[in-house]
Amino acid sequence: MNVKNIIFDFGGVFYDVDYRRTIEALAILSPEAENLRAMELNDILDMPEMYEKGLIDSDTFINDLRKQYSIHSPEHFIIDAWNAMLIGMKPDAISMAEEFAKLYNIVILSNTNEIHFEKFKDECIDFFPKFQDVFFSHEIGMRKPDMGIFDFVCRKMKFSHEETIFIDDNIKNSSGALKMGIRFIHFDNKMNLSGLLHSIRNITHNIL
């Protein structure tokens, strides 16, 4: 089956992130610094699940961080620490999005939250319009890897599962897509966007 549609993750694919920066920034604010610095990557990714689904607001999330890590700093210090993981757009993000859009129907599907969205939205004002649509977990009440969020995107965009590829830097996010017959490419730290485009153009029927 030919590839016609691509569902892209945002952070880690088009936008550089470093989760350890947030762990370190929170550790500076907390008397439990050693526990925070011992956190695994998956711990920091799973921590805001309810927040990324929009089921709690930013004030509640910040208060949860305060309680969990005994942080007594002013709110803006906590927000800055939470945003520390956000580095910025990859230099070729816009140009490569334009190249993908010439060949495929492309959308963004991102697990994110209100604080992060407010931080990166202005930076991406010329980037997001390159896509047919953008989907953020905190706005639609679902989160990768749940099958429901992939079903939501495919139904809205009228994407055939068999003609769609999902790209993400986190393998854990792929399970729902794979169960639906959507092919998956893991965008690891050895890949770049131009190489990804080349790989997709050369793809065959084989499931990735």
Protein backbone atom coordinates (compact mmCIF):
# COMPACT_ATOMS: atom_id res chain seq x y z
CA MET A 1 0.00 0.00 0.00
CA ASN A 2 1.34 3.43 -0.94
CA VAL A 3 2.04 5.97 1.76
CA LYS A 4 -0.26 8.97 1.41
CA ASN A 5 -0.50 10.33 4.94
CA ILE A 6 1.98 11.07 7.73
CA ILE A 7 1.16 11.73 11.37
CA PHE A 8 4.15 13.50 12.91
CA ASP A 9 5.08 13.90 16.52
CA PHE A 10 6.30 17.44 17.26
CA GLY A 11 8.79 17.47 20.14
CA GLY A 12 11.88 15.42 19.32
CA VAL A 13 11.08 15.41 15.59
CA PHE A 14 10.69 19.03 14.49
CA TYR A 15 11.38 20.65 17.85
CA ASP A 16 14.41 19.91 20.02
CA VAL A 17 13.76 18.88 23.62
CA ASP A 18 15.97 17.76 26.49
CA TYR A 19 13.96 16.29 29.36
CA ARG A 20 16.97 16.16 31.66
CA ARG A 21 17.04 19.96 31.69
CA THR A 22 13.64 20.04 33.38
CA ILE A 23 14.67 17.38 35.89
CA GLU A 24 17.76 19.42 36.76
CA ALA A 25 15.79 22.67 36.98
CA LEU A 26 13.21 21.10 39.31
CA ALA A 27 16.00 19.54 41.37
CA ILE A 28 17.45 22.99 42.02
CA LEU A 29 14.10 24.08 43.48
CA SER A 30 13.50 20.96 45.55
CA PRO A 31 15.00 19.57 48.77
CA GLU A 32 14.49 16.16 47.12
CA ALA A 33 17.10 16.91 44.48
CA GLU A 34 18.72 13.47 44.62
CA ASN A 35 15.40 11.72 43.99
CA LEU A 36 14.63 14.01 41.08
CA ARG A 37 18.05 13.55 39.49
CA ALA A 38 17.60 9.78 39.75
CA MET A 39 14.42 9.90 37.68
CA GLU A 40 14.39 7.95 34.44
CA LEU A 41 13.28 9.53 31.18
CA ASN A 42 10.00 7.61 31.22
CA ASP A 43 9.23 9.00 34.67
CA ILE A 44 9.36 12.57 33.44
CA LEU A 45 7.36 11.66 30.32
CA ASP A 46 4.60 9.94 32.31
CA MET A 47 4.43 12.50 35.11
CA PRO A 48 2.02 14.95 33.41
CA GLU A 49 -0.42 12.39 31.94
CA MET A 50 -3.57 13.97 33.42
CA TYR A 51 -2.29 17.43 32.56
CA GLU A 52 -1.50 16.46 28.98
CA LYS A 53 -5.06 15.19 28.59
CA GLY A 54 -6.40 18.52 29.78
CA LEU A 55 -8.07 16.84 32.75
CA ILE A 56 -6.40 19.18 35.24
CA ASP A 57 -5.53 22.84 34.80
CA SER A 58 -2.12 24.48 35.08
CA ASP A 59 -2.65 25.66 38.65
CA THR A 60 -3.47 22.11 39.76
CA PHE A 61 -0.44 20.72 37.93
CA ILE A 62 1.89 23.27 39.51
CA ASN A 63 0.46 22.53 42.95
CA ASP A 64 0.95 18.81 42.32
CA LEU A 65 4.63 19.47 41.55
CA ARG A 66 4.93 21.52 44.72
CA LYS A 67 3.49 18.71 46.85
CA GLN A 68 5.31 15.86 45.13
CA TYR A 69 8.76 17.45 45.37
CA SER A 70 8.33 19.82 48.36
CA ILE A 71 8.89 22.89 46.20
CA HIS A 72 8.17 26.24 47.83
CA SER A 73 9.44 28.56 45.10
CA PRO A 74 7.20 31.14 43.38
CA GLU A 75 5.06 29.89 40.52
CA HIS A 76 7.12 31.51 37.76
CA PHE A 77 10.21 29.57 38.89
CA ILE A 78 8.28 26.30 38.57
CA ILE A 79 6.96 27.28 35.14
CA ASP A 80 10.48 28.15 33.99
CA ALA A 81 11.72 24.78 35.27
CA TRP A 82 8.93 22.94 33.47
CA ASN A 83 9.74 24.80 30.25
CA ALA A 84 13.49 24.17 30.56
CA MET A 85 13.17 21.04 28.39
CA LEU A 86 12.02 23.13 25.42
CA ILE A 87 15.09 24.04 23.38
CA GLY A 88 13.62 25.28 20.10
CA MET A 89 12.73 24.51 16.52
CA LYS A 90 15.16 22.49 14.45
CA PRO A 91 16.82 24.78 11.87
CA ASP A 92 15.32 22.89 8.93
CA ALA A 93 11.87 22.30 10.47
CA ILE A 94 9.93 24.67 8.21
CA SER A 95 11.76 23.84 4.99
CA MET A 96 11.42 20.10 5.58
CA ALA A 97 7.73 20.41 6.50
CA GLU A 98 7.27 22.10 3.13
CA GLU A 99 9.05 19.20 1.39
CA PHE A 100 6.89 16.60 3.14
CA ALA A 101 3.75 18.58 2.29
CA LYS A 102 4.57 18.40 -1.42
CA LEU A 103 4.30 14.61 -1.32
CA TYR A 104 1.96 13.65 1.53
CA ASN A 105 -0.97 14.72 3.63
CA ILE A 106 0.73 15.75 6.86
CA VAL A 107 -0.51 16.50 10.38
CA ILE A 108 1.05 17.05 13.80
CA LEU A 109 -0.04 14.93 16.79
CA SER A 110 1.63 16.01 20.02
CA ASN A 111 1.39 15.02 23.66
CA THR A 112 1.70 18.44 25.26
CA ASN A 113 0.19 20.70 27.89
CA GLU A 114 -1.00 24.25 28.39
CA ILE A 115 2.25 25.62 29.87
CA HIS A 116 4.38 24.19 27.07
CA PHE A 117 1.90 25.24 24.38
CA GLU A 118 1.97 28.83 25.61
CA LYS A 119 5.77 28.71 25.49
CA PHE A 120 6.23 27.39 21.94
CA LYS A 121 3.13 28.62 20.06
CA ASP A 122 4.54 31.99 18.97
CA GLU A 123 7.79 30.40 17.85
CA CYS A 124 5.80 28.07 15.61
CA ILE A 125 3.49 30.64 14.05
CA ASP A 126 5.00 30.06 10.59
CA PHE A 127 5.51 26.34 11.11
CA PHE A 128 2.11 24.89 12.01
CA PRO A 129 0.36 26.28 8.87
CA LYS A 130 2.58 23.98 6.79
CA PHE A 131 0.40 21.09 8.05
CA GLN A 132 -3.17 20.24 7.13
CA ASP A 133 -4.02 20.18 10.82
CA VAL A 134 -2.35 20.09 14.23
CA PHE A 135 -3.62 18.05 17.18
CA PHE A 136 -2.58 18.67 20.78
CA SER A 137 -3.42 16.17 23.51
CA HIS A 138 -4.48 18.77 26.07
CA GLU A 139 -7.03 20.20 23.63
CA ILE A 140 -8.67 16.93 22.57
CA GLY A 141 -8.60 15.09 25.90
CA MET A 142 -6.60 12.09 24.69
CA ARG A 143 -2.94 11.17 24.69
CA LYS A 144 -0.58 8.90 22.77
CA PRO A 145 -0.28 5.91 22.79
CA ASP A 146 -4.07 5.48 23.28
CA MET A 147 -5.77 4.07 20.20
CA GLY A 148 -8.52 6.64 20.59
CA ILE A 149 -6.32 9.57 19.68
CA PHE A 150 -5.15 7.91 16.45
CA ASP A 151 -8.73 6.98 15.60
CA PHE A 152 -9.77 10.59 16.22
CA VAL A 153 -7.10 11.95 13.88
CA CYS A 154 -7.72 9.41 11.12
CA ARG A 155 -11.47 9.93 11.21
CA LYS A 156 -11.20 13.71 11.12
CA MET A 157 -8.63 13.67 8.32
CA LYS A 158 -10.23 10.71 6.50
CA PHE A 159 -6.89 8.90 6.56
CA SER A 160 -6.83 5.22 5.64
CA HIS A 161 -4.83 3.36 8.29
CA GLU A 162 -3.03 1.30 5.65
CA GLU A 163 -1.87 4.42 3.82
CA THR A 164 -0.65 6.23 6.93
CA ILE A 165 2.69 6.34 8.74
CA PHE A 166 3.23 7.62 12.28
CA ILE A 167 6.57 9.22 13.21
CA ASP A 168 7.62 9.65 16.86
CA ASP A 169 10.84 9.81 18.86
CA ASN A 170 9.28 7.74 21.68
CA ILE A 171 8.67 4.07 20.80
CA LYS A 172 6.14 3.78 23.64
CA ASN A 173 3.83 6.13 21.76
CA SER A 174 3.50 3.72 18.84
CA SER A 175 1.43 0.93 20.40
CA GLY A 176 -2.00 2.37 19.65
CA ALA A 177 -1.08 3.19 16.07
CA LEU A 178 0.38 -0.25 15.41
CA LYS A 179 -2.75 -1.96 16.74
CA MET A 180 -4.75 -0.02 14.16
CA GLY A 181 -2.52 -1.04 11.27
CA ILE A 182 -0.74 2.30 11.03
CA ARG A 183 2.92 1.84 10.23
CA PHE A 184 5.53 3.39 12.51
CA ILE A 185 8.99 4.89 12.14
CA HIS A 186 11.02 5.56 15.26
CA PHE A 187 12.73 8.93 14.84
CA ASP A 188 15.79 8.26 16.96
CA ASN A 189 18.75 10.53 17.68
CA LYS A 190 20.63 9.16 14.67
CA MET A 191 17.99 10.39 12.22
CA ASN A 192 17.42 13.75 10.60
CA LEU A 193 14.44 15.10 8.69
CA SER A 194 15.98 14.85 5.23
CA GLY A 195 16.98 11.24 5.90
CA LEU A 196 13.48 10.53 7.15
CA LEU A 197 11.97 11.87 3.93
CA HIS A 198 14.32 9.68 1.90
CA SER A 199 13.34 6.61 3.95
CA ILE A 200 9.62 7.21 3.52
CA ARG A 201 9.94 7.76 -0.22
CA ASN A 202 11.64 4.39 -0.50
CA ILE A 203 9.21 2.53 1.71
CA THR A 204 7.47 -0.62 0.49
CA HIS A 205 4.61 -2.74 1.80
CA ASN A 206 6.77 -3.98 4.66
CA ILE A 207 5.60 -2.93 8.10
CA LEU A 208 8.31 -0.88 9.77
